[in-house]
Amino acid sequence: DYLRSKERGDFVIRQSSRGDDHLA
């Protein structure tokens, strides 16, 4: 939702649903 209004190639780093030893 956040990236929908952004440019192609934009990104975020976020917590992962896989647990505390993963990011996404």
mmCIF file of all heavy atoms, coordinates in Angstrom:
data_MODEL
# 
_entry.id   MODEL 
# 
loop_
_atom_site.group_PDB 
_atom_site.id 
_atom_site.type_symbol 
_atom_site.label_atom_id 
_atom_site.label_alt_id 
_atom_site.label_comp_id 
_atom_site.label_asym_id 
_atom_site.label_entity_id 
_atom_site.label_seq_id 
_atom_site.pdbx_PDB_ins_code 
_atom_site.Cartn_x 
_atom_site.Cartn_y 
_atom_site.Cartn_z 
_atom_site.occupancy 
_atom_site.B_iso_or_equiv 
_atom_site.pdbx_formal_charge 
_atom_site.auth_seq_id 
_atom_site.auth_comp_id 
_atom_site.auth_asym_id 
_atom_site.auth_atom_id 
_atom_site.pdbx_PDB_model_num 
ATOM 1   N N   . ASP A 1 1  ? 0.829  -1.210  0.000   1.00 0.00 ? 1  ASP A N   1 
ATOM 2   C CA  . ASP A 1 1  ? 0.000  0.000   0.000   1.00 0.00 ? 1  ASP A CA  1 
ATOM 3   C C   . ASP A 1 1  ? 0.862  1.258   0.000   1.00 0.00 ? 1  ASP A C   1 
ATOM 4   O O   . ASP A 1 1  ? 0.581  2.226   -0.708  1.00 0.00 ? 1  ASP A O   1 
ATOM 5   C CB  . ASP A 1 1  ? -0.934 0.010   1.225   1.00 0.00 ? 1  ASP A CB  1 
ATOM 6   C CG  . ASP A 1 1  ? -2.035 -1.045  1.103   1.00 0.00 ? 1  ASP A CG  1 
ATOM 7   O OD1 . ASP A 1 1  ? -2.262 -1.550  -0.023  1.00 0.00 ? 1  ASP A OD1 1 
ATOM 8   O OD2 . ASP A 1 1  ? -2.654 -1.364  2.134   1.00 0.00 ? 1  ASP A OD2 1 
ATOM 9   N N   . TYR A 1 2  ? 1.920  1.223   0.799   1.00 0.00 ? 2  TYR A N   1 
ATOM 10  C CA  . TYR A 1 2  ? 2.829  2.371   0.879   1.00 0.00 ? 2  TYR A CA  1 
ATOM 11  C C   . TYR A 1 2  ? 3.540  2.597   -0.459  1.00 0.00 ? 2  TYR A C   1 
ATOM 12  O O   . TYR A 1 2  ? 3.699  3.735   -0.913  1.00 0.00 ? 2  TYR A O   1 
ATOM 13  C CB  . TYR A 1 2  ? 3.848  2.120   1.995   1.00 0.00 ? 2  TYR A CB  1 
ATOM 14  C CG  . TYR A 1 2  ? 4.972  3.108   2.053   1.00 0.00 ? 2  TYR A CG  1 
ATOM 15  C CD1 . TYR A 1 2  ? 4.808  4.344   2.679   1.00 0.00 ? 2  TYR A CD1 1 
ATOM 16  C CD2 . TYR A 1 2  ? 6.225  2.807   1.504   1.00 0.00 ? 2  TYR A CD2 1 
ATOM 17  C CE1 . TYR A 1 2  ? 5.856  5.258   2.744   1.00 0.00 ? 2  TYR A CE1 1 
ATOM 18  C CE2 . TYR A 1 2  ? 7.269  3.721   1.565   1.00 0.00 ? 2  TYR A CE2 1 
ATOM 19  C CZ  . TYR A 1 2  ? 7.080  4.938   2.180   1.00 0.00 ? 2  TYR A CZ  1 
ATOM 20  O OH  . TYR A 1 2  ? 8.111  5.846   2.238   1.00 0.00 ? 2  TYR A OH  1 
ATOM 21  N N   . LEU A 1 3  ? 3.963  1.511   -1.098  1.00 0.00 ? 3  LEU A N   1 
ATOM 22  C CA  . LEU A 1 3  ? 4.742  1.623   -2.336  1.00 0.00 ? 3  LEU A CA  1 
ATOM 23  C C   . LEU A 1 3  ? 3.879  1.911   -3.568  1.00 0.00 ? 3  LEU A C   1 
ATOM 24  O O   . LEU A 1 3  ? 4.389  2.309   -4.609  1.00 0.00 ? 3  LEU A O   1 
ATOM 25  C CB  . LEU A 1 3  ? 5.539  0.336   -2.572  1.00 0.00 ? 3  LEU A CB  1 
ATOM 26  C CG  . LEU A 1 3  ? 6.716  0.101   -1.621  1.00 0.00 ? 3  LEU A CG  1 
ATOM 27  C CD1 . LEU A 1 3  ? 7.232  -1.324  -1.762  1.00 0.00 ? 3  LEU A CD1 1 
ATOM 28  C CD2 . LEU A 1 3  ? 7.839  1.106   -1.856  1.00 0.00 ? 3  LEU A CD2 1 
ATOM 29  N N   . ARG A 1 4  ? 2.572  1.723   -3.439  1.00 0.00 ? 4  ARG A N   1 
ATOM 30  C CA  . ARG A 1 4  ? 1.679  1.894   -4.588  1.00 0.00 ? 4  ARG A CA  1 
ATOM 31  C C   . ARG A 1 4  ? 1.823  3.281   -5.223  1.00 0.00 ? 4  ARG A C   1 
ATOM 32  O O   . ARG A 1 4  ? 1.777  3.432   -6.431  1.00 0.00 ? 4  ARG A O   1 
ATOM 33  C CB  . ARG A 1 4  ? 0.236  1.672   -4.142  1.00 0.00 ? 4  ARG A CB  1 
ATOM 34  C CG  . ARG A 1 4  ? -0.587 0.866   -5.107  1.00 0.00 ? 4  ARG A CG  1 
ATOM 35  C CD  . ARG A 1 4  ? -1.926 0.472   -4.506  1.00 0.00 ? 4  ARG A CD  1 
ATOM 36  N NE  . ARG A 1 4  ? -1.827 -0.687  -3.627  1.00 0.00 ? 4  ARG A NE  1 
ATOM 37  C CZ  . ARG A 1 4  ? -1.709 -1.947  -4.057  1.00 0.00 ? 4  ARG A CZ  1 
ATOM 38  N NH1 . ARG A 1 4  ? -1.690 -2.212  -5.345  1.00 0.00 ? 4  ARG A NH1 1 
ATOM 39  N NH2 . ARG A 1 4  ? -1.630 -2.949  -3.209  1.00 0.00 ? 4  ARG A NH2 1 
ATOM 40  N N   . SER A 1 5  ? 2.031  4.289   -4.375  1.00 0.00 ? 5  SER A N   1 
ATOM 41  C CA  . SER A 1 5  ? 2.127  5.663   -4.883  1.00 0.00 ? 5  SER A CA  1 
ATOM 42  C C   . SER A 1 5  ? 3.574  6.063   -5.199  1.00 0.00 ? 5  SER A C   1 
ATOM 43  O O   . SER A 1 5  ? 3.839  7.193   -5.569  1.00 0.00 ? 5  SER A O   1 
ATOM 44  C CB  . SER A 1 5  ? 1.557  6.627   -3.844  1.00 0.00 ? 5  SER A CB  1 
ATOM 45  O OG  . SER A 1 5  ? 2.325  6.549   -2.654  1.00 0.00 ? 5  SER A OG  1 
ATOM 46  N N   . LYS A 1 6  ? 4.505  5.124   -5.015  1.00 0.00 ? 6  LYS A N   1 
ATOM 47  C CA  . LYS A 1 6  ? 5.915  5.439   -5.233  1.00 0.00 ? 6  LYS A CA  1 
ATOM 48  C C   . LYS A 1 6  ? 6.366  5.031   -6.632  1.00 0.00 ? 6  LYS A C   1 
ATOM 49  O O   . LYS A 1 6  ? 5.608  4.498   -7.429  1.00 0.00 ? 6  LYS A O   1 
ATOM 50  C CB  . LYS A 1 6  ? 6.762  4.703   -4.185  1.00 0.00 ? 6  LYS A CB  1 
ATOM 51  C CG  . LYS A 1 6  ? 6.374  5.006   -2.742  1.00 0.00 ? 6  LYS A CG  1 
ATOM 52  C CD  . LYS A 1 6  ? 6.913  6.336   -2.308  1.00 0.00 ? 6  LYS A CD  1 
ATOM 53  C CE  . LYS A 1 6  ? 6.692  6.567   -0.834  1.00 0.00 ? 6  LYS A CE  1 
ATOM 54  N NZ  . LYS A 1 6  ? 5.943  7.785   -0.524  1.00 0.00 ? 6  LYS A NZ  1 
ATOM 55  N N   . GLU A 1 7  ? 7.639  5.303   -6.916  1.00 0.00 ? 7  GLU A N   1 
ATOM 56  C CA  . GLU A 1 7  ? 8.208  5.005   -8.237  1.00 0.00 ? 7  GLU A CA  1 
ATOM 57  C C   . GLU A 1 7  ? 8.577  3.526   -8.347  1.00 0.00 ? 7  GLU A C   1 
ATOM 58  O O   . GLU A 1 7  ? 8.848  2.867   -7.346  1.00 0.00 ? 7  GLU A O   1 
ATOM 59  C CB  . GLU A 1 7  ? 9.496  5.823   -8.443  1.00 0.00 ? 7  GLU A CB  1 
ATOM 60  C CG  . GLU A 1 7  ? 9.307  7.327   -8.407  1.00 0.00 ? 7  GLU A CG  1 
ATOM 61  C CD  . GLU A 1 7  ? 8.488  7.822   -9.582  1.00 0.00 ? 7  GLU A CD  1 
ATOM 62  O OE1 . GLU A 1 7  ? 8.823  7.472   -10.727 1.00 0.00 ? 7  GLU A OE1 1 
ATOM 63  O OE2 . GLU A 1 7  ? 7.506  8.530   -9.350  1.00 0.00 ? 7  GLU A OE2 1 
ATOM 64  N N   . ARG A 1 8  ? 8.644  3.060   -9.578  1.00 0.00 ? 8  ARG A N   1 
ATOM 65  C CA  . ARG A 1 8  ? 9.181  1.730   -9.844  1.00 0.00 ? 8  ARG A CA  1 
ATOM 66  C C   . ARG A 1 8  ? 10.587 1.618   -9.267  1.00 0.00 ? 8  ARG A C   1 
ATOM 67  O O   . ARG A 1 8  ? 11.389 2.531   -9.413  1.00 0.00 ? 8  ARG A O   1 
ATOM 68  C CB  . ARG A 1 8  ? 9.255  1.546   -11.354 1.00 0.00 ? 8  ARG A CB  1 
ATOM 69  C CG  . ARG A 1 8  ? 8.742  0.230   -11.826 1.00 0.00 ? 8  ARG A CG  1 
ATOM 70  C CD  . ARG A 1 8  ? 8.576  0.234   -13.324 1.00 0.00 ? 8  ARG A CD  1 
ATOM 71  N NE  . ARG A 1 8  ? 9.863  0.289   -14.008 1.00 0.00 ? 8  ARG A NE  1 
ATOM 72  C CZ  . ARG A 1 8  ? 10.096 -0.279  -15.186 1.00 0.00 ? 8  ARG A CZ  1 
ATOM 73  N NH1 . ARG A 1 8  ? 9.133  -0.918  -15.807 1.00 0.00 ? 8  ARG A NH1 1 
ATOM 74  N NH2 . ARG A 1 8  ? 11.273 -0.185  -15.752 1.00 0.00 ? 8  ARG A NH2 1 
ATOM 75  N N   . GLY A 1 9  ? 10.879 0.513   -8.621  1.00 0.00 ? 9  GLY A N   1 
ATOM 76  C CA  . GLY A 1 9  ? 12.206 0.328   -8.043  1.00 0.00 ? 9  GLY A CA  1 
ATOM 77  C C   . GLY A 1 9  ? 12.302 0.808   -6.608  1.00 0.00 ? 9  GLY A C   1 
ATOM 78  O O   . GLY A 1 9  ? 13.292 0.544   -5.940  1.00 0.00 ? 9  GLY A O   1 
ATOM 79  N N   . ASP A 1 10 ? 11.291 1.516   -6.117  1.00 0.00 ? 10 ASP A N   1 
ATOM 80  C CA  . ASP A 1 10 ? 11.299 1.904   -4.704  1.00 0.00 ? 10 ASP A CA  1 
ATOM 81  C C   . ASP A 1 10 ? 11.035 0.676   -3.833  1.00 0.00 ? 10 ASP A C   1 
ATOM 82  O O   . ASP A 1 10 ? 10.437 -0.302  -4.282  1.00 0.00 ? 10 ASP A O   1 
ATOM 83  C CB  . ASP A 1 10 ? 10.258 2.990   -4.435  1.00 0.00 ? 10 ASP A CB  1 
ATOM 84  C CG  . ASP A 1 10 ? 10.763 4.375   -4.818  1.00 0.00 ? 10 ASP A CG  1 
ATOM 85  O OD1 . ASP A 1 10 ? 11.904 4.480   -5.301  1.00 0.00 ? 10 ASP A OD1 1 
ATOM 86  O OD2 . ASP A 1 10 ? 10.018 5.346   -4.641  1.00 0.00 ? 10 ASP A OD2 1 
ATOM 87  N N   . PHE A 1 11 ? 11.465 0.740   -2.591  1.00 0.00 ? 11 PHE A N   1 
ATOM 88  C CA  . PHE A 1 11 ? 11.403 -0.449  -1.734  1.00 0.00 ? 11 PHE A CA  1 
ATOM 89  C C   . PHE A 1 11 ? 11.323 -0.044  -0.265  1.00 0.00 ? 11 PHE A C   1 
ATOM 90  O O   . PHE A 1 11 ? 11.617 1.084   0.108   1.00 0.00 ? 11 PHE A O   1 
ATOM 91  C CB  . PHE A 1 11 ? 12.652 -1.319  -1.952  1.00 0.00 ? 11 PHE A CB  1 
ATOM 92  C CG  . PHE A 1 11 ? 13.929 -0.650  -1.530  1.00 0.00 ? 11 PHE A CG  1 
ATOM 93  C CD1 . PHE A 1 11 ? 14.439 -0.847  -0.250  1.00 0.00 ? 11 PHE A CD1 1 
ATOM 94  C CD2 . PHE A 1 11 ? 14.601 0.190   -2.392  1.00 0.00 ? 11 PHE A CD2 1 
ATOM 95  C CE1 . PHE A 1 11 ? 15.606 -0.209  0.147   1.00 0.00 ? 11 PHE A CE1 1 
ATOM 96  C CE2 . PHE A 1 11 ? 15.768 0.832   -2.003  1.00 0.00 ? 11 PHE A CE2 1 
ATOM 97  C CZ  . PHE A 1 11 ? 16.261 0.623   -0.728  1.00 0.00 ? 11 PHE A CZ  1 
ATOM 98  N N   . VAL A 1 12 ? 10.914 -1.002  0.539   1.00 0.00 ? 12 VAL A N   1 
ATOM 99  C CA  . VAL A 1 12 ? 11.005 -0.861  1.989   1.00 0.00 ? 12 VAL A CA  1 
ATOM 100 C C   . VAL A 1 12 ? 11.603 -2.142  2.558   1.00 0.00 ? 12 VAL A C   1 
ATOM 101 O O   . VAL A 1 12 ? 11.511 -3.210  1.954   1.00 0.00 ? 12 VAL A O   1 
ATOM 102 C CB  . VAL A 1 12 ? 9.631  -0.601  2.662   1.00 0.00 ? 12 VAL A CB  1 
ATOM 103 C CG1 . VAL A 1 12 ? 9.045  0.724   2.215   1.00 0.00 ? 12 VAL A CG1 1 
ATOM 104 C CG2 . VAL A 1 12 ? 8.659  -1.735  2.405   1.00 0.00 ? 12 VAL A CG2 1 
ATOM 105 N N   . ILE A 1 13 ? 12.217 -1.991  3.719   1.00 0.00 ? 13 ILE A N   1 
ATOM 106 C CA  . ILE A 1 13 ? 12.690 -3.134  4.488   1.00 0.00 ? 13 ILE A CA  1 
ATOM 107 C C   . ILE A 1 13 ? 11.727 -3.266  5.659   1.00 0.00 ? 13 ILE A C   1 
ATOM 108 O O   . ILE A 1 13 ? 11.327 -2.257  6.245   1.00 0.00 ? 13 ILE A O   1 
ATOM 109 C CB  . ILE A 1 13 ? 14.129 -2.900  4.979   1.00 0.00 ? 13 ILE A CB  1 
ATOM 110 C CG1 . ILE A 1 13 ? 15.080 -2.751  3.773   1.00 0.00 ? 13 ILE A CG1 1 
ATOM 111 C CG2 . ILE A 1 13 ? 14.596 -4.054  5.887   1.00 0.00 ? 13 ILE A CG2 1 
ATOM 112 C CD1 . ILE A 1 13 ? 16.417 -2.136  4.122   1.00 0.00 ? 13 ILE A CD1 1 
ATOM 113 N N   . ARG A 1 14 ? 11.330 -4.485  5.972   1.00 0.00 ? 14 ARG A N   1 
ATOM 114 C CA  . ARG A 1 14 ? 10.304 -4.657  7.005   1.00 0.00 ? 14 ARG A CA  1 
ATOM 115 C C   . ARG A 1 14 ? 10.525 -5.960  7.769   1.00 0.00 ? 14 ARG A C   1 
ATOM 116 O O   . ARG A 1 14 ? 11.331 -6.796  7.383   1.00 0.00 ? 14 ARG A O   1 
ATOM 117 C CB  . ARG A 1 14 ? 8.916  -4.658  6.366   1.00 0.00 ? 14 ARG A CB  1 
ATOM 118 C CG  . ARG A 1 14 ? 8.734  -5.764  5.354   1.00 0.00 ? 14 ARG A CG  1 
ATOM 119 C CD  . ARG A 1 14 ? 7.375  -5.728  4.688   1.00 0.00 ? 14 ARG A CD  1 
ATOM 120 N NE  . ARG A 1 14 ? 7.261  -6.798  3.701   1.00 0.00 ? 14 ARG A NE  1 
ATOM 121 C CZ  . ARG A 1 14 ? 6.973  -8.067  3.979   1.00 0.00 ? 14 ARG A CZ  1 
ATOM 122 N NH1 . ARG A 1 14 ? 6.757  -8.446  5.231   1.00 0.00 ? 14 ARG A NH1 1 
ATOM 123 N NH2 . ARG A 1 14 ? 6.905  -8.968  3.014   1.00 0.00 ? 14 ARG A NH2 1 
ATOM 124 N N   . GLN A 1 15 ? 9.773  -6.078  8.862   1.00 0.00 ? 15 GLN A N   1 
ATOM 125 C CA  . GLN A 1 15 ? 9.789  -7.318  9.617   1.00 0.00 ? 15 GLN A CA  1 
ATOM 126 C C   . GLN A 1 15 ? 9.236  -8.437  8.754   1.00 0.00 ? 15 GLN A C   1 
ATOM 127 O O   . GLN A 1 15 ? 8.391  -8.208  7.891   1.00 0.00 ? 15 GLN A O   1 
ATOM 128 C CB  . GLN A 1 15 ? 8.914  -7.163  10.861  1.00 0.00 ? 15 GLN A CB  1 
ATOM 129 C CG  . GLN A 1 15 ? 9.688  -7.333  12.143  1.00 0.00 ? 15 GLN A CG  1 
ATOM 130 C CD  . GLN A 1 15 ? 8.866  -6.924  13.351  1.00 0.00 ? 15 GLN A CD  1 
ATOM 131 O OE1 . GLN A 1 15 ? 8.626  -5.758  13.561  1.00 0.00 ? 15 GLN A OE1 1 
ATOM 132 N NE2 . GLN A 1 15 ? 8.454  -7.876  14.140  1.00 0.00 ? 15 GLN A NE2 1 
ATOM 133 N N   . SER A 1 16 ? 9.672  -9.637  9.003   1.00 0.00 ? 16 SER A N   1 
ATOM 134 C CA  . SER A 1 16 ? 9.199  -10.776 8.220   1.00 0.00 ? 16 SER A CA  1 
ATOM 135 C C   . SER A 1 16 ? 8.225  -11.603 9.037   1.00 0.00 ? 16 SER A C   1 
ATOM 136 O O   . SER A 1 16 ? 8.368  -11.727 10.253  1.00 0.00 ? 16 SER A O   1 
ATOM 137 C CB  . SER A 1 16 ? 10.396 -11.653 7.829   1.00 0.00 ? 16 SER A CB  1 
ATOM 138 O OG  . SER A 1 16 ? 9.944  -12.864 7.260   1.00 0.00 ? 16 SER A OG  1 
ATOM 139 N N   . SER A 1 17 ? 7.246  -12.181 8.347   1.00 0.00 ? 17 SER A N   1 
ATOM 140 C CA  . SER A 1 17 ? 6.308  -13.070 9.034   1.00 0.00 ? 17 SER A CA  1 
ATOM 141 C C   . SER A 1 17 ? 6.980  -14.402 9.389   1.00 0.00 ? 17 SER A C   1 
ATOM 142 O O   . SER A 1 17 ? 6.413  -15.216 10.100  1.00 0.00 ? 17 SER A O   1 
ATOM 143 C CB  . SER A 1 17 ? 5.104  -13.336 8.136   1.00 0.00 ? 17 SER A CB  1 
ATOM 144 O OG  . SER A 1 17 ? 5.531  -13.802 6.877   1.00 0.00 ? 17 SER A OG  1 
ATOM 145 N N   . ARG A 1 18 ? 8.187  -14.611 8.892   1.00 0.00 ? 18 ARG A N   1 
ATOM 146 C CA  . ARG A 1 18 ? 8.882  -15.875 9.161   1.00 0.00 ? 18 ARG A CA  1 
ATOM 147 C C   . ARG A 1 18 ? 9.540  -15.903 10.535  1.00 0.00 ? 18 ARG A C   1 
ATOM 148 O O   . ARG A 1 18 ? 10.108 -16.914 10.914  1.00 0.00 ? 18 ARG A O   1 
ATOM 149 C CB  . ARG A 1 18 ? 9.956  -16.128 8.108   1.00 0.00 ? 18 ARG A CB  1 
ATOM 150 C CG  . ARG A 1 18 ? 9.374  -16.304 6.728   1.00 0.00 ? 18 ARG A CG  1 
ATOM 151 C CD  . ARG A 1 18 ? 10.445 -16.730 5.762   1.00 0.00 ? 18 ARG A CD  1 
ATOM 152 N NE  . ARG A 1 18 ? 9.923  -16.774 4.408   1.00 0.00 ? 18 ARG A NE  1 
ATOM 153 C CZ  . ARG A 1 18 ? 10.502 -17.463 3.423   1.00 0.00 ? 18 ARG A CZ  1 
ATOM 154 N NH1 . ARG A 1 18 ? 11.603 -18.135 3.648   1.00 0.00 ? 18 ARG A NH1 1 
ATOM 155 N NH2 . ARG A 1 18 ? 9.985  -17.448 2.220   1.00 0.00 ? 18 ARG A NH2 1 
ATOM 156 N N   . GLY A 1 19 ? 9.529  -14.772 11.243  1.00 0.00 ? 19 GLY A N   1 
ATOM 157 C CA  . GLY A 1 19 ? 10.081 -14.795 12.592  1.00 0.00 ? 19 GLY A CA  1 
ATOM 158 C C   . GLY A 1 19 ? 11.208 -13.806 12.791  1.00 0.00 ? 19 GLY A C   1 
ATOM 159 O O   . GLY A 1 19 ? 11.519 -13.006 11.912  1.00 0.00 ? 19 GLY A O   1 
ATOM 160 N N   . ASP A 1 20 ? 11.820 -13.883 13.965  1.00 0.00 ? 20 ASP A N   1 
ATOM 161 C CA  . ASP A 1 20 ? 12.768 -12.858 14.392  1.00 0.00 ? 20 ASP A CA  1 
ATOM 162 C C   . ASP A 1 20 ? 14.146 -12.999 13.771  1.00 0.00 ? 20 ASP A C   1 
ATOM 163 O O   . ASP A 1 20 ? 15.008 -12.160 13.996  1.00 0.00 ? 20 ASP A O   1 
ATOM 164 C CB  . ASP A 1 20 ? 12.901 -12.876 15.920  1.00 0.00 ? 20 ASP A CB  1 
ATOM 165 C CG  . ASP A 1 20 ? 11.615 -12.376 16.578  1.00 0.00 ? 20 ASP A CG  1 
ATOM 166 O OD1 . ASP A 1 20 ? 11.013 -11.440 16.022  1.00 0.00 ? 20 ASP A OD1 1 
ATOM 167 O OD2 . ASP A 1 20 ? 11.237 -12.919 17.618  1.00 0.00 ? 20 ASP A OD2 1 
ATOM 168 N N   . ASP A 1 21 ? 14.404 -14.083 13.033  1.00 0.00 ? 21 ASP A N   1 
ATOM 169 C CA  . ASP A 1 21 ? 15.703 -14.169 12.359  1.00 0.00 ? 21 ASP A CA  1 
ATOM 170 C C   . ASP A 1 21 ? 15.534 -13.978 10.857  1.00 0.00 ? 21 ASP A C   1 
ATOM 171 O O   . ASP A 1 21 ? 16.339 -14.458 10.064  1.00 0.00 ? 21 ASP A O   1 
ATOM 172 C CB  . ASP A 1 21 ? 16.426 -15.484 12.702  1.00 0.00 ? 21 ASP A CB  1 
ATOM 173 C CG  . ASP A 1 21 ? 15.590 -16.707 12.359  1.00 0.00 ? 21 ASP A CG  1 
ATOM 174 O OD1 . ASP A 1 21 ? 14.390 -16.559 12.044  1.00 0.00 ? 21 ASP A OD1 1 
ATOM 175 O OD2 . ASP A 1 21 ? 16.149 -17.824 12.403  1.00 0.00 ? 21 ASP A OD2 1 
ATOM 176 N N   . HIS A 1 22 ? 14.480 -13.256 10.502  1.00 0.00 ? 22 HIS A N   1 
ATOM 177 C CA  . HIS A 1 22 ? 14.266 -12.903 9.096   1.00 0.00 ? 22 HIS A CA  1 
ATOM 178 C C   . HIS A 1 22 ? 13.826 -11.453 8.997   1.00 0.00 ? 22 HIS A C   1 
ATOM 179 O O   . HIS A 1 22 ? 13.140 -10.937 9.873   1.00 0.00 ? 22 HIS A O   1 
ATOM 180 C CB  . HIS A 1 22 ? 13.155 -13.763 8.466   1.00 0.00 ? 22 HIS A CB  1 
ATOM 181 C CG  . HIS A 1 22 ? 13.546 -15.181 8.230   1.00 0.00 ? 22 HIS A CG  1 
ATOM 182 N ND1 . HIS A 1 22 ? 13.991 -15.647 7.014   1.00 0.00 ? 22 HIS A ND1 1 
ATOM 183 C CD2 . HIS A 1 22 ? 13.581 -16.233 9.073   1.00 0.00 ? 22 HIS A CD2 1 
ATOM 184 C CE1 . HIS A 1 22 ? 14.268 -16.938 7.115   1.00 0.00 ? 22 HIS A CE1 1 
ATOM 185 N NE2 . HIS A 1 22 ? 14.026 -17.322 8.352   1.00 0.00 ? 22 HIS A NE2 1 
ATOM 186 N N   . LEU A 1 23 ? 14.220 -10.813 7.908   1.00 0.00 ? 23 LEU A N   1 
ATOM 187 C CA  . LEU A 1 23 ? 13.650 -9.542  7.499   1.00 0.00 ? 23 LEU A CA  1 
ATOM 188 C C   . LEU A 1 23 ? 13.138 -9.757  6.079   1.00 0.00 ? 23 LEU A C   1 
ATOM 189 O O   . LEU A 1 23 ? 13.385 -10.800 5.475   1.00 0.00 ? 23 LEU A O   1 
ATOM 190 C CB  . LEU A 1 23 ? 14.702 -8.429  7.521   1.00 0.00 ? 23 LEU A CB  1 
ATOM 191 C CG  . LEU A 1 23 ? 15.222 -8.008  8.894   1.00 0.00 ? 23 LEU A CG  1 
ATOM 192 C CD1 . LEU A 1 23 ? 16.441 -7.116  8.735   1.00 0.00 ? 23 LEU A CD1 1 
ATOM 193 C CD2 . LEU A 1 23 ? 14.134 -7.300  9.686   1.00 0.00 ? 23 LEU A CD2 1 
ATOM 194 N N   . ALA A 1 24 ? 12.445 -8.769  5.556   1.00 0.00 ? 24 ALA A N   1 
ATOM 195 C CA  . ALA A 1 24 ? 11.977 -8.866  4.180   1.00 0.00 ? 24 ALA A CA  1 
ATOM 196 C C   . ALA A 1 24 ? 12.174 -7.517  3.500   1.00 0.00 ? 24 ALA A C   1 
ATOM 197 O O   . ALA A 1 24 ? 12.126 -6.474  4.156   1.00 0.00 ? 24 ALA A O   1 
ATOM 198 C CB  . ALA A 1 24 ? 10.511 -9.268  4.138   1.00 0.00 ? 24 ALA A CB  1 
# 
